[in-house]
C-alpha cells in the first residue's frame, strides 16, 4: 500500500484584501535590538513567498544613511537616510507604515529631526509603529498621547513615569487607531501576524506560522513575562499570591499585616512560607523586589536618585543608598550606565 500524502493548500489562491503592495520603512536607531527587527521583517518575507508575489516591500532607514549598528554589534546596510526618507514620503514610494526599532538605552536617545518627522507622518495619516523600546521614541515625539501602547516590561515602569499621557499596557502588542507598538522579542512576530491577517487571507497567517515553526499567533493581551510559577519554580499558590501582591505594590509597600489580611494567613504562617521556600523573611524578600525594580530604573533612565528611591518605596535617598549598597556592593550612582568608564583613568 502506498504512503498517504497530504496535499498542501495552494496559498497562491488566497484572497488578498489589499489593493496594492504595502510599503514599510524601518527606522533603525543606534543599538537597535536585532531580535525585534528580525521578528518583524521575516513574517513579511515569508508572506510574500506564500502568496507568490511581493505584497510587502520594505526599506531600512538610519539617521545619517550609514550602516546601522545593532546592540549585538552587527552592522546593517540601510537604504536611505532620514532626510531621504522624508523625500520619499512626498513621492510615489510613500510608505504605508513607519516603524521605529528600539534599542538598549533608548531613554538617552533623542533626535529632534526624527521627532518632527514622526509628528508630520502622524498628521498625514501614515501608520506608525514601534518595536521593543521604540515606543519611547514615539512617546517622546508626542504621538502616543492618549493612545494605548506596549513596551518591553523592563522599560515599562520608567516609561509610565516619564510619559503619563500615554496609556501603556503590559501586553505583547497594542493597536490603537493607526499606531502599532509591541514589546519586542518574539512579540514583533505576533504583531506582524496580526497585520498580515488584516491584509491577507487567514490561511497565509497559518502558513507563515508553520514556516516560522510557531504554533499560533499569540493574543495581544498575552503576558510578556513568564508566570511567577515558572519564573521562580514555586508551586505554593498562597506564596505566589503574596509575591504578586509585592510586585504590584512597589511605590507604596504593604505592611506584613496588610499582606496577611489579603492572603488570609497569619503573619507567622507567612514567615514560615518564606523561610521554607525562599530561605529569607518576607520583609527581606520584599526589599529585594523593590531594589530589583530600582536597578532597572537606574540603568534605564536619568531620573534623579531621590525619584528612583520614592518610586521604589523608600522614605529617603540615604536609606535607599544604604540598602542598595548592602545588596549589590555598589552605590546607586555607580549603577548608572557609563559611570565606571567615565571615572576610569
C-alpha atoms as a PDB file:
ATOM      1  CA  UNK A   1       0.000   0.000   0.000  1.00  0.00           C
ATOM      2  CA  UNK A   2       1.409   3.387  -0.954  1.00  0.00           C
ATOM      3  CA  UNK A   3       2.030   6.154   1.568  1.00  0.00           C
ATOM      4  CA  UNK A   4      -0.793   8.608   2.138  1.00  0.00           C
ATOM      5  CA  UNK A   5       0.462  12.076   1.174  1.00  0.00           C
ATOM      6  CA  UNK A   6      -1.363  15.120   2.485  1.00  0.00           C
ATOM      7  CA  UNK A   7      -1.791  17.764  -0.161  1.00  0.00           C
ATOM      8  CA  UNK A   8      -0.524  21.211   0.772  1.00  0.00           C
ATOM      9  CA  UNK A   9      -3.075  24.015   0.337  1.00  0.00           C
ATOM     10  CA  UNK A  10      -2.467  26.293  -2.623  1.00  0.00           C
ATOM     11  CA  UNK A  11      -1.924  29.557  -0.817  1.00  0.00           C
ATOM     12  CA  UNK A  12      -1.391  31.487  -4.028  1.00  0.00           C
ATOM     13  CA  UNK A  13      -5.183  31.381  -4.473  1.00  0.00           C
ATOM     14  CA  UNK A  14      -5.738  33.068  -1.113  1.00  0.00           C
ATOM     15  CA  UNK A  15      -7.832  36.194  -1.148  1.00  0.00           C
ATOM     16  CA  UNK A  16      -5.699  39.315  -0.840  1.00  0.00           C
ATOM     17  CA  UNK A  17      -7.598  42.079   0.929  1.00  0.00           C
ATOM     18  CA  UNK A  18      -5.227  44.901  -0.080  1.00  0.00           C
ATOM     19  CA  UNK A  19      -5.470  46.670  -3.450  1.00  0.00           C
ATOM     20  CA  UNK A  20      -1.723  47.268  -3.762  1.00  0.00           C
ATOM     21  CA  UNK A  21       1.524  46.318  -2.083  1.00  0.00           C
ATOM     22  CA  UNK A  22       2.209  47.633   1.403  1.00  0.00           C
ATOM     23  CA  UNK A  23       5.440  49.561   1.976  1.00  0.00           C
ATOM     24  CA  UNK A  24       7.274  49.609   5.309  1.00  0.00           C
ATOM     25  CA  UNK A  25      10.073  51.890   6.473  1.00  0.00           C
ATOM     26  CA  UNK A  26      12.062  50.523   9.422  1.00  0.00           C
ATOM     27  CA  UNK A  27      13.977  53.269  11.228  1.00  0.00           C
ATOM     28  CA  UNK A  28      16.982  51.669  12.934  1.00  0.00           C
ATOM     29  CA  UNK A  29      18.136  53.834  15.806  1.00  0.00           C
ATOM     30  CA  UNK A  30      21.655  53.243  17.220  1.00  0.00           C
ATOM     31  CA  UNK A  31      21.977  49.944  19.136  1.00  0.00           C
ATOM     32  CA  UNK A  32      18.617  48.680  17.880  1.00  0.00           C
ATOM     33  CA  UNK A  33      17.627  45.202  19.044  1.00  0.00           C
ATOM     34  CA  UNK A  34      18.167  42.675  16.289  1.00  0.00           C
ATOM     35  CA  UNK A  35      15.692  40.060  17.531  1.00  0.00           C
ATOM     36  CA  UNK A  36      12.770  42.506  17.467  1.00  0.00           C
ATOM     37  CA  UNK A  37      13.727  43.724  13.986  1.00  0.00           C
ATOM     38  CA  UNK A  38      14.207  40.232  12.529  1.00  0.00           C
ATOM     39  CA  UNK A  39      10.939  39.027  14.031  1.00  0.00           C
ATOM     40  CA  UNK A  40       9.151  41.910  12.317  1.00  0.00           C
ATOM     41  CA  UNK A  41      10.656  41.693   8.843  1.00  0.00           C
ATOM     42  CA  UNK A  42      10.776  37.920   8.402  1.00  0.00           C
ATOM     43  CA  UNK A  43       6.983  37.361   8.561  1.00  0.00           C
ATOM     44  CA  UNK A  44       6.623  39.869   5.712  1.00  0.00           C
ATOM     45  CA  UNK A  45       9.196  37.977   3.627  1.00  0.00           C
ATOM     46  CA  UNK A  46       7.535  34.642   4.349  1.00  0.00           C
ATOM     47  CA  UNK A  47       4.093  36.048   3.489  1.00  0.00           C
ATOM     48  CA  UNK A  48       5.426  37.209   0.100  1.00  0.00           C
ATOM     49  CA  UNK A  49       6.774  33.715  -0.521  1.00  0.00           C
ATOM     50  CA  UNK A  50       3.476  32.099   0.435  1.00  0.00           C
ATOM     51  CA  UNK A  51       1.491  34.426  -1.825  1.00  0.00           C
ATOM     52  CA  UNK A  52       3.936  34.088  -4.704  1.00  0.00           C
ATOM     53  CA  UNK A  53       4.424  37.817  -5.229  1.00  0.00           C
ATOM     54  CA  UNK A  54       5.588  40.884  -3.331  1.00  0.00           C
ATOM     55  CA  UNK A  55       2.611  42.074  -1.331  1.00  0.00           C
ATOM     56  CA  UNK A  56       5.076  43.640   1.097  1.00  0.00           C
ATOM     57  CA  UNK A  57       8.122  45.812   0.441  1.00  0.00           C
ATOM     58  CA  UNK A  58      10.399  47.397   2.984  1.00  0.00           C
ATOM     59  CA  UNK A  59      13.288  49.816   3.265  1.00  0.00           C
ATOM     60  CA  UNK A  60      15.767  50.381   6.075  1.00  0.00           C
ATOM     61  CA  UNK A  61      16.475  53.888   7.364  1.00  0.00           C
ATOM     62  CA  UNK A  62      19.249  55.208   9.603  1.00  0.00           C
ATOM     63  CA  UNK A  63      19.605  58.759  10.823  1.00  0.00           C
ATOM     64  CA  UNK A  64      22.612  59.530   8.610  1.00  0.00           C
ATOM     65  CA  UNK A  65      22.316  56.863   5.917  1.00  0.00           C
ATOM     66  CA  UNK A  66      25.340  54.999   7.277  1.00  0.00           C
ATOM     67  CA  UNK A  67      25.143  51.311   8.299  1.00  0.00           C
ATOM     68  CA  UNK A  68      23.132  50.877  11.495  1.00  0.00           C
ATOM     69  CA  UNK A  69      24.758  49.050  14.388  1.00  0.00           C
ATOM     70  CA  UNK A  70      22.632  46.628  16.383  1.00  0.00           C
ATOM     71  CA  UNK A  71      23.095  46.010  20.106  1.00  0.00           C
ATOM     72  CA  UNK A  72      24.756  42.670  19.244  1.00  0.00           C
ATOM     73  CA  UNK A  73      27.461  44.505  17.267  1.00  0.00           C
ATOM     74  CA  UNK A  74      26.241  43.576  13.785  1.00  0.00           C
ATOM     75  CA  UNK A  75      26.053  46.429  11.274  1.00  0.00           C
ATOM     76  CA  UNK A  76      23.305  46.511   8.661  1.00  0.00           C
ATOM     77  CA  UNK A  77      23.498  48.436   5.408  1.00  0.00           C
ATOM     78  CA  UNK A  78      20.478  50.714   5.015  1.00  0.00           C
ATOM     79  CA  UNK A  79      18.603  52.036   2.006  1.00  0.00           C
ATOM     80  CA  UNK A  80      18.424  55.691   2.939  1.00  0.00           C
ATOM     81  CA  UNK A  81      18.987  58.416   5.477  1.00  0.00           C
ATOM     82  CA  UNK A  82      16.274  60.169   7.459  1.00  0.00           C
ATOM     83  CA  UNK A  83      16.424  63.105   5.026  1.00  0.00           C
ATOM     84  CA  UNK A  84      15.959  60.791   2.039  1.00  0.00           C
ATOM     85  CA  UNK A  85      13.092  59.035   3.811  1.00  0.00           C
ATOM     86  CA  UNK A  86      11.322  62.381   4.237  1.00  0.00           C
ATOM     87  CA  UNK A  87      11.642  62.959   0.482  1.00  0.00           C
ATOM     88  CA  UNK A  88      10.239  59.505  -0.289  1.00  0.00           C
ATOM     89  CA  UNK A  89       7.060  60.357   1.627  1.00  0.00           C
ATOM     90  CA  UNK A  90       6.357  63.023  -0.987  1.00  0.00           C
ATOM     91  CA  UNK A  91       6.923  60.590  -3.888  1.00  0.00           C
ATOM     92  CA  UNK A  92       5.210  57.535  -5.341  1.00  0.00           C
ATOM     93  CA  UNK A  93       7.245  55.435  -2.886  1.00  0.00           C
ATOM     94  CA  UNK A  94       5.316  56.850   0.062  1.00  0.00           C
ATOM     95  CA  UNK A  95       5.324  54.311   2.920  1.00  0.00           C
ATOM     96  CA  UNK A  96       2.171  52.888   4.456  1.00  0.00           C
ATOM     97  CA  UNK A  97       3.929  52.117   7.746  1.00  0.00           C
ATOM     98  CA  UNK A  98       6.938  53.639   9.506  1.00  0.00           C
ATOM     99  CA  UNK A  99       8.292  51.519  12.356  1.00  0.00           C
ATOM    100  CA  UNK A 100      10.924  52.671  14.867  1.00  0.00           C
ATOM    101  CA  UNK A 101      13.186  49.848  16.033  1.00  0.00           C
ATOM    102  CA  UNK A 102      14.018  50.419  19.692  1.00  0.00           C
ATOM    103  CA  UNK A 103      17.334  49.977  21.407  1.00  0.00           C
ATOM    104  CA  UNK A 104      19.105  49.444  24.667  1.00  0.00           C
ATOM    105  CA  UNK A 105      19.483  52.780  26.400  1.00  0.00           C
ATOM    106  CA  UNK A 106      16.691  54.368  24.365  1.00  0.00           C
ATOM    107  CA  UNK A 107      15.967  56.675  27.310  1.00  0.00           C
ATOM    108  CA  UNK A 108      19.137  58.578  26.479  1.00  0.00           C
ATOM    109  CA  UNK A 109      18.346  58.819  22.762  1.00  0.00           C
ATOM    110  CA  UNK A 110      16.728  61.904  21.266  1.00  0.00           C
ATOM    111  CA  UNK A 111      16.718  63.255  17.736  1.00  0.00           C
ATOM    112  CA  UNK A 112      14.667  66.382  17.036  1.00  0.00           C
ATOM    113  CA  UNK A 113      14.540  65.765  13.298  1.00  0.00           C
ATOM    114  CA  UNK A 114      13.178  62.274  13.812  1.00  0.00           C
ATOM    115  CA  UNK A 115      10.606  63.536  16.313  1.00  0.00           C
ATOM    116  CA  UNK A 116       9.416  66.253  13.943  1.00  0.00           C
ATOM    117  CA  UNK A 117       9.140  63.733  11.109  1.00  0.00           C
ATOM    118  CA  UNK A 118       7.104  61.321  13.218  1.00  0.00           C
ATOM    119  CA  UNK A 119       4.676  64.095  14.127  1.00  0.00           C
ATOM    120  CA  UNK A 120       4.366  65.008  10.439  1.00  0.00           C
ATOM    121  CA  UNK A 121       3.723  61.381   9.465  1.00  0.00           C
ATOM    122  CA  UNK A 122       1.032  61.074  12.105  1.00  0.00           C
ATOM    123  CA  UNK A 123      -0.705  64.202  10.820  1.00  0.00           C
ATOM    124  CA  UNK A 124      -0.621  62.787   7.286  1.00  0.00           C
ATOM    125  CA  UNK A 125      -2.311  59.595   8.427  1.00  0.00           C
ATOM    126  CA  UNK A 126       0.671  57.325   7.806  1.00  0.00           C
ATOM    127  CA  UNK A 127       0.604  54.420  10.254  1.00  0.00           C
ATOM    128  CA  UNK A 128       3.345  54.482  12.880  1.00  0.00           C
ATOM    129  CA  UNK A 129       4.829  51.569  14.742  1.00  0.00           C
ATOM    130  CA  UNK A 130       7.405  50.679  17.360  1.00  0.00           C
ATOM    131  CA  UNK A 131       9.383  47.548  18.127  1.00  0.00           C
ATOM    132  CA  UNK A 132      10.694  46.790  21.615  1.00  0.00           C
ATOM    133  CA  UNK A 133      11.543  50.145  23.242  1.00  0.00           C
ATOM    134  CA  UNK A 134      10.686  52.086  20.077  1.00  0.00           C
ATOM    135  CA  UNK A 135       7.521  53.271  21.840  1.00  0.00           C
ATOM    136  CA  UNK A 136       9.800  55.544  23.875  1.00  0.00           C
ATOM    137  CA  UNK A 137      10.762  57.413  20.694  1.00  0.00           C
ATOM    138  CA  UNK A 138       7.125  57.747  19.611  1.00  0.00           C
ATOM    139  CA  UNK A 139       6.125  58.965  23.068  1.00  0.00           C
ATOM    140  CA  UNK A 140       8.992  61.467  23.142  1.00  0.00           C
ATOM    141  CA  UNK A 141       7.647  62.876  19.871  1.00  0.00           C
ATOM    142  CA  UNK A 142       4.204  63.167  21.484  1.00  0.00           C
ATOM    143  CA  UNK A 143       2.360  60.878  19.079  1.00  0.00           C
ATOM    144  CA  UNK A 144       1.333  58.378  21.792  1.00  0.00           C
ATOM    145  CA  UNK A 145      -0.572  60.895  23.905  1.00  0.00           C
ATOM    146  CA  UNK A 146      -3.991  59.418  24.591  1.00  0.00           C
ATOM    147  CA  UNK A 147      -3.143  56.159  22.814  1.00  0.00           C
ATOM    148  CA  UNK A 148      -2.699  52.640  24.126  1.00  0.00           C
ATOM    149  CA  UNK A 149       0.795  51.283  23.597  1.00  0.00           C
ATOM    150  CA  UNK A 150       3.122  48.458  24.567  1.00  0.00           C
ATOM    151  CA  UNK A 151       6.785  48.435  25.533  1.00  0.00           C
ATOM    152  CA  UNK A 152       9.219  45.858  26.897  1.00  0.00           C
ATOM    153  CA  UNK A 153       8.441  45.035  30.534  1.00  0.00           C
ATOM    154  CA  UNK A 154      11.875  46.191  31.738  1.00  0.00           C
ATOM    155  CA  UNK A 155      11.195  49.712  30.450  1.00  0.00           C
ATOM    156  CA  UNK A 156       7.513  49.875  31.395  1.00  0.00           C
ATOM    157  CA  UNK A 157       7.798  51.390  34.924  1.00  0.00           C
ATOM    158  CA  UNK A 158      10.067  54.283  33.937  1.00  0.00           C
ATOM    159  CA  UNK A 159       8.117  54.789  30.684  1.00  0.00           C
ATOM    160  CA  UNK A 160       4.888  55.176  32.646  1.00  0.00           C
ATOM    161  CA  UNK A 161       6.548  57.727  34.932  1.00  0.00           C
ATOM    162  CA  UNK A 162       8.073  59.679  32.046  1.00  0.00           C
ATOM    163  CA  UNK A 163       5.033  59.679  29.715  1.00  0.00           C
ATOM    164  CA  UNK A 164       1.841  59.756  31.822  1.00  0.00           C
ATOM    165  CA  UNK A 165      -0.221  60.862  28.789  1.00  0.00           C
ATOM    166  CA  UNK A 166       0.471  57.557  27.020  1.00  0.00           C
ATOM    167  CA  UNK A 167      -1.747  54.622  28.017  1.00  0.00           C
ATOM    168  CA  UNK A 168       0.978  51.996  28.340  1.00  0.00           C
ATOM    169  CA  UNK A 169      -0.064  48.364  28.811  1.00  0.00           C
ATOM    170  CA  UNK A 170       1.896  45.263  29.828  1.00  0.00           C
ATOM    171  CA  UNK A 171       0.686  43.484  26.680  1.00  0.00           C
ATOM    172  CA  UNK A 172       2.586  41.788  23.871  1.00  0.00           C
ATOM    173  CA  UNK A 173       1.370  44.386  21.387  1.00  0.00           C
ATOM    174  CA  UNK A 174      -1.187  47.151  21.056  1.00  0.00           C
ATOM    175  CA  UNK A 175      -3.000  48.597  18.057  1.00  0.00           C
ATOM    176  CA  UNK A 176      -4.694  51.933  18.676  1.00  0.00           C
ATOM    177  CA  UNK A 177      -6.018  53.629  15.567  1.00  0.00           C
ATOM    178  CA  UNK A 178      -3.075  53.834  13.153  1.00  0.00           C
ATOM    179  CA  UNK A 179      -0.402  53.162  15.788  1.00  0.00           C
ATOM    180  CA  UNK A 180       1.137  49.715  16.292  1.00  0.00           C
ATOM    181  CA  UNK A 181       3.517  49.047  19.188  1.00  0.00           C
ATOM    182  CA  UNK A 182       4.923  45.845  20.634  1.00  0.00           C
ATOM    183  CA  UNK A 183       7.133  44.690  23.491  1.00  0.00           C
ATOM    184  CA  UNK A 184       9.863  43.427  21.171  1.00  0.00           C
ATOM    185  CA  UNK A 185      11.473  39.996  21.019  1.00  0.00           C
ATOM    186  CA  UNK A 186       9.043  37.435  19.646  1.00  0.00           C
ATOM    187  CA  UNK A 187       6.134  39.853  20.225  1.00  0.00           C
ATOM    188  CA  UNK A 188       7.186  41.529  16.959  1.00  0.00           C
ATOM    189  CA  UNK A 189       6.203  38.321  15.183  1.00  0.00           C
ATOM    190  CA  UNK A 190       2.759  38.317  16.800  1.00  0.00           C
ATOM    191  CA  UNK A 191       2.103  41.934  15.860  1.00  0.00           C
ATOM    192  CA  UNK A 192       3.148  41.350  12.247  1.00  0.00           C
ATOM    193  CA  UNK A 193       0.989  38.238  12.036  1.00  0.00           C
ATOM    194  CA  UNK A 194      -1.901  40.416  13.200  1.00  0.00           C
ATOM    195  CA  UNK A 195      -1.179  42.880  10.376  1.00  0.00           C
ATOM    196  CA  UNK A 196      -0.845  40.086   7.816  1.00  0.00           C
ATOM    197  CA  UNK A 197      -4.199  38.756   8.972  1.00  0.00           C
ATOM    198  CA  UNK A 198      -5.755  42.160   8.265  1.00  0.00           C
ATOM    199  CA  UNK A 199      -4.244  42.332   4.763  1.00  0.00           C
ATOM    200  CA  UNK A 200      -4.387  38.718   3.578  1.00  0.00           C
ATOM    201  CA  UNK A 201      -6.378  35.533   3.954  1.00  0.00           C
ATOM    202  CA  UNK A 202      -6.057  33.748   7.325  1.00  0.00           C
ATOM    203  CA  UNK A 203      -4.564  30.754   5.523  1.00  0.00           C
ATOM    204  CA  UNK A 204      -1.485  32.882   4.852  1.00  0.00           C
ATOM    205  CA  UNK A 205      -1.108  33.591   8.570  1.00  0.00           C
ATOM    206  CA  UNK A 206      -1.284  29.867   9.228  1.00  0.00           C
ATOM    207  CA  UNK A 207       1.382  29.123   6.631  1.00  0.00           C
ATOM    208  CA  UNK A 208       3.672  31.866   7.962  1.00  0.00           C
ATOM    209  CA  UNK A 209       3.339  30.315  11.434  1.00  0.00           C
ATOM    210  CA  UNK A 210       4.229  26.913  10.010  1.00  0.00           C
ATOM    211  CA  UNK A 211       7.277  28.278   8.212  1.00  0.00           C
ATOM    212  CA  UNK A 212       8.424  30.143  11.342  1.00  0.00           C
ATOM    213  CA  UNK A 213       7.899  26.979  13.453  1.00  0.00           C
ATOM    214  CA  UNK A 214       5.444  28.664  15.786  1.00  0.00           C
ATOM    215  CA  UNK A 215       2.141  27.018  16.570  1.00  0.00           C
ATOM    216  CA  UNK A 216      -0.021  30.135  16.711  1.00  0.00           C
ATOM    217  CA  UNK A 217      -0.260  33.892  16.825  1.00  0.00           C
ATOM    218  CA  UNK A 218      -0.484  34.898  20.463  1.00  0.00           C
ATOM    219  CA  UNK A 219      -3.184  37.334  21.539  1.00  0.00           C
ATOM    220  CA  UNK A 220      -2.207  40.957  22.082  1.00  0.00           C
ATOM    221  CA  UNK A 221      -3.082  40.677  25.765  1.00  0.00           C
ATOM    222  CA  UNK A 222      -0.926  37.617  26.468  1.00  0.00           C
ATOM    223  CA  UNK A 223       1.549  38.322  29.243  1.00  0.00           C
ATOM    224  CA  UNK A 224       5.106  39.388  28.410  1.00  0.00           C
ATOM    225  CA  UNK A 225       6.883  37.723  31.316  1.00  0.00           C
ATOM    226  CA  UNK A 226       6.754  34.112  32.357  1.00  0.00           C
ATOM    227  CA  UNK A 227       4.191  33.421  35.083  1.00  0.00           C
ATOM    228  CA  UNK A 228       5.641  33.549  38.584  1.00  0.00           C
ATOM    229  CA  UNK A 229       5.172  29.793  38.930  1.00  0.00           C
ATOM    230  CA  UNK A 230       7.564  29.181  36.024  1.00  0.00           C
ATOM    231  CA  UNK A 231       9.861  32.115  36.724  1.00  0.00           C
ATOM    232  CA  UNK A 232      10.524  31.233  40.372  1.00  0.00           C
ATOM    233  CA  UNK A 233       9.868  27.491  40.282  1.00  0.00           C
ATOM    234  CA  UNK A 234       7.322  27.778  43.093  1.00  0.00           C
ATOM    235  CA  UNK A 235       4.147  25.752  43.482  1.00  0.00           C
ATOM    236  CA  UNK A 236       2.517  27.124  46.638  1.00  0.00           C
ATOM    237  CA  UNK A 237      -0.432  29.226  45.459  1.00  0.00           C
ATOM    238  CA  UNK A 238      -0.570  31.336  48.637  1.00  0.00           C
ATOM    239  CA  UNK A 239       3.118  32.207  48.336  1.00  0.00           C
ATOM    240  CA  UNK A 240       2.717  33.092  44.649  1.00  0.00           C
ATOM    241  CA  UNK A 241      -0.251  35.314  45.505  1.00  0.00           C
ATOM    242  CA  UNK A 242       1.779  37.161  48.147  1.00  0.00           C
ATOM    243  CA  UNK A 243       4.703  37.720  45.761  1.00  0.00           C
ATOM    244  CA  UNK A 244       2.307  39.071  43.122  1.00  0.00           C
ATOM    245  CA  UNK A 245       0.983  41.488  45.759  1.00  0.00           C
ATOM    246  CA  UNK A 246       4.511  42.640  46.499  1.00  0.00           C
ATOM    247  CA  UNK A 247       5.380  43.166  42.825  1.00  0.00           C
ATOM    248  CA  UNK A 248       2.166  45.147  42.322  1.00  0.00           C
ATOM    249  CA  UNK A 249       2.867  47.449  45.294  1.00  0.00           C
ATOM    250  CA  UNK A 250       6.382  48.824  44.886  1.00  0.00           C
ATOM    251  CA  UNK A 251       5.958  52.578  45.408  1.00  0.00           C
ATOM    252  CA  UNK A 252       3.707  52.103  48.455  1.00  0.00           C
ATOM    253  CA  UNK A 253       4.831  48.857  50.092  1.00  0.00           C
ATOM    254  CA  UNK A 254       2.230  46.922  52.025  1.00  0.00           C
ATOM    255  CA  UNK A 255       2.822  46.055  55.661  1.00  0.00           C
ATOM    256  CA  UNK A 256       3.010  42.401  56.647  1.00  0.00           C
ATOM    257  CA  UNK A 257      -0.312  42.836  58.454  1.00  0.00           C
ATOM    258  CA  UNK A 258      -1.939  44.076  55.225  1.00  0.00           C
ATOM    259  CA  UNK A 259      -0.399  41.223  53.240  1.00  0.00           C
ATOM    260  CA  UNK A 260      -1.647  38.713  55.804  1.00  0.00           C
ATOM    261  CA  UNK A 261      -5.171  40.126  55.568  1.00  0.00           C
ATOM    262  CA  UNK A 262      -5.184  39.921  51.752  1.00  0.00           C
ATOM    263  CA  UNK A 263      -3.759  36.387  51.794  1.00  0.00           C
ATOM    264  CA  UNK A 264      -5.978  35.076  54.587  1.00  0.00           C
ATOM    265  CA  UNK A 265      -2.966  33.896  56.582  1.00  0.00           C
ATOM    266  CA  UNK A 266      -1.349  34.843  59.856  1.00  0.00           C
ATOM    267  CA  UNK A 267       1.950  36.708  59.994  1.00  0.00           C
ATOM    268  CA  UNK A 268       3.585  33.625  61.460  1.00  0.00           C
ATOM    269  CA  UNK A 269       2.316  31.428  58.611  1.00  0.00           C
ATOM    270  CA  UNK A 270       3.722  33.893  56.052  1.00  0.00           C
ATOM    271  CA  UNK A 271       7.072  33.962  57.818  1.00  0.00           C
ATOM    272  CA  UNK A 272       7.223  30.157  57.700  1.00  0.00           C
ATOM    273  CA  UNK A 273       6.247  30.088  53.999  1.00  0.00           C
ATOM    274  CA  UNK A 274       9.081  32.425  53.018  1.00  0.00           C
ATOM    275  CA  UNK A 275      11.687  30.756  55.235  1.00  0.00           C
ATOM    276  CA  UNK A 276      10.812  27.287  53.939  1.00  0.00           C
ATOM    277  CA  UNK A 277      10.560  28.128  50.227  1.00  0.00           C
ATOM    278  CA  UNK A 278      12.858  31.139  49.729  1.00  0.00           C
ATOM    279  CA  UNK A 279      15.262  30.984  52.651  1.00  0.00           C
ATOM    280  CA  UNK A 280      14.577  34.511  53.866  1.00  0.00           C
ATOM    281  CA  UNK A 281      11.976  36.581  55.631  1.00  0.00           C
ATOM    282  CA  UNK A 282       9.091  38.195  53.720  1.00  0.00           C
ATOM    283  CA  UNK A 283      10.463  41.623  54.652  1.00  0.00           C
ATOM    284  CA  UNK A 284      13.840  40.780  53.156  1.00  0.00           C
ATOM    285  CA  UNK A 285      12.286  39.354  50.000  1.00  0.00           C
ATOM    286  CA  UNK A 286      10.061  42.429  49.583  1.00  0.00           C
ATOM    287  CA  UNK A 287      13.116  44.669  49.950  1.00  0.00           C
ATOM    288  CA  UNK A 288      14.931  42.711  47.219  1.00  0.00           C
ATOM    289  CA  UNK A 289      11.919  43.042  44.896  1.00  0.00           C
ATOM    290  CA  UNK A 290      11.941  46.828  45.364  1.00  0.00           C
ATOM    291  CA  UNK A 291      15.711  47.062  44.881  1.00  0.00           C
ATOM    292  CA  UNK A 292      15.473  44.971  41.725  1.00  0.00           C
ATOM    293  CA  UNK A 293      12.964  47.485  40.347  1.00  0.00           C
ATOM    294  CA  UNK A 294      15.296  50.306  41.387  1.00  0.00           C
ATOM    295  CA  UNK A 295      18.171  48.693  39.496  1.00  0.00           C
ATOM    296  CA  UNK A 296      16.082  48.668  36.303  1.00  0.00           C
ATOM    297  CA  UNK A 297      15.142  52.323  36.769  1.00  0.00           C
ATOM    298  CA  UNK A 298      18.731  53.368  37.410  1.00  0.00           C
ATOM    299  CA  UNK A 299      20.106  51.558  34.370  1.00  0.00           C
ATOM    300  CA  UNK A 300      17.350  52.670  32.006  1.00  0.00           C
ATOM    301  CA  UNK A 301      16.601  56.259  32.963  1.00  0.00           C
ATOM    302  CA  UNK A 302      18.222  59.507  34.004  1.00  0.00           C
ATOM    303  CA  UNK A 303      15.723  60.057  36.818  1.00  0.00           C
ATOM    304  CA  UNK A 304      17.332  61.594  39.934  1.00  0.00           C
ATOM    305  CA  UNK A 305      18.310  59.126  42.643  1.00  0.00           C
ATOM    306  CA  UNK A 306      15.720  60.558  45.011  1.00  0.00           C
ATOM    307  CA  UNK A 307      12.935  59.970  42.449  1.00  0.00           C
ATOM    308  CA  UNK A 308      14.028  56.367  41.985  1.00  0.00           C
ATOM    309  CA  UNK A 309      14.040  55.942  45.769  1.00  0.00           C
ATOM    310  CA  UNK A 310      10.479  57.276  46.105  1.00  0.00           C
ATOM    311  CA  UNK A 311       9.251  55.203  43.128  1.00  0.00           C
ATOM    312  CA  UNK A 312      10.533  52.088  44.896  1.00  0.00           C
ATOM    313  CA  UNK A 313       9.013  52.843  48.292  1.00  0.00           C
ATOM    314  CA  UNK A 314      11.974  54.305  50.215  1.00  0.00           C
ATOM    315  CA  UNK A 315      11.424  57.214  52.578  1.00  0.00           C
ATOM    316  CA  UNK A 316      14.810  58.800  51.894  1.00  0.00           C
ATOM    317  CA  UNK A 317      17.618  58.683  49.357  1.00  0.00           C
ATOM    318  CA  UNK A 318      20.148  57.917  52.108  1.00  0.00           C
ATOM    319  CA  UNK A 319      18.235  54.842  53.311  1.00  0.00           C
ATOM    320  CA  UNK A 320      17.804  53.724  49.713  1.00  0.00           C
ATOM    321  CA  UNK A 321      21.533  54.101  49.000  1.00  0.00           C
ATOM    322  CA  UNK A 322      22.437  52.145  52.143  1.00  0.00           C
ATOM    323  CA  UNK A 323      20.135  49.231  51.244  1.00  0.00           C
ATOM    324  CA  UNK A 324      21.273  49.274  47.630  1.00  0.00           C
ATOM    325  CA  UNK A 325      24.959  49.098  48.518  1.00  0.00           C
ATOM    326  CA  UNK A 326      24.352  46.286  51.009  1.00  0.00           C
ATOM    327  CA  UNK A 327      22.638  44.137  48.343  1.00  0.00           C
ATOM    328  CA  UNK A 328      24.668  44.942  45.222  1.00  0.00           C
ATOM    329  CA  UNK A 329      28.020  46.053  46.636  1.00  0.00           C
ATOM    330  CA  UNK A 330      27.887  49.400  44.835  1.00  0.00           C
ATOM    331  CA  UNK A 331      26.053  52.677  45.182  1.00  0.00           C
ATOM    332  CA  UNK A 332      23.061  53.733  43.058  1.00  0.00           C
ATOM    333  CA  UNK A 333      25.283  56.360  41.420  1.00  0.00           C
ATOM    334  CA  UNK A 334      27.696  53.642  40.277  1.00  0.00           C
ATOM    335  CA  UNK A 335      24.804  51.783  38.644  1.00  0.00           C
ATOM    336  CA  UNK A 336      24.363  54.483  36.028  1.00  0.00           C
ATOM    337  CA  UNK A 337      25.475  53.350  32.532  1.00  0.00           C
ATOM    338  CA  UNK A 338      28.949  54.597  31.660  1.00  0.00           C
ATOM    339  CA  UNK A 339      29.724  55.574  35.238  1.00  0.00           C
ATOM    340  CA  UNK A 340      32.690  53.242  35.540  1.00  0.00           C
ATOM    341  CA  UNK A 341      34.022  54.237  32.114  1.00  0.00           C
ATOM    342  CA  UNK A 342      33.696  57.909  32.953  1.00  0.00           C
ATOM    343  CA  UNK A 343      35.602  57.510  36.208  1.00  0.00           C
ATOM    344  CA  UNK A 344      38.281  55.217  34.839  1.00  0.00           C
ATOM    345  CA  UNK A 345      41.788  56.659  34.438  1.00  0.00           C
END
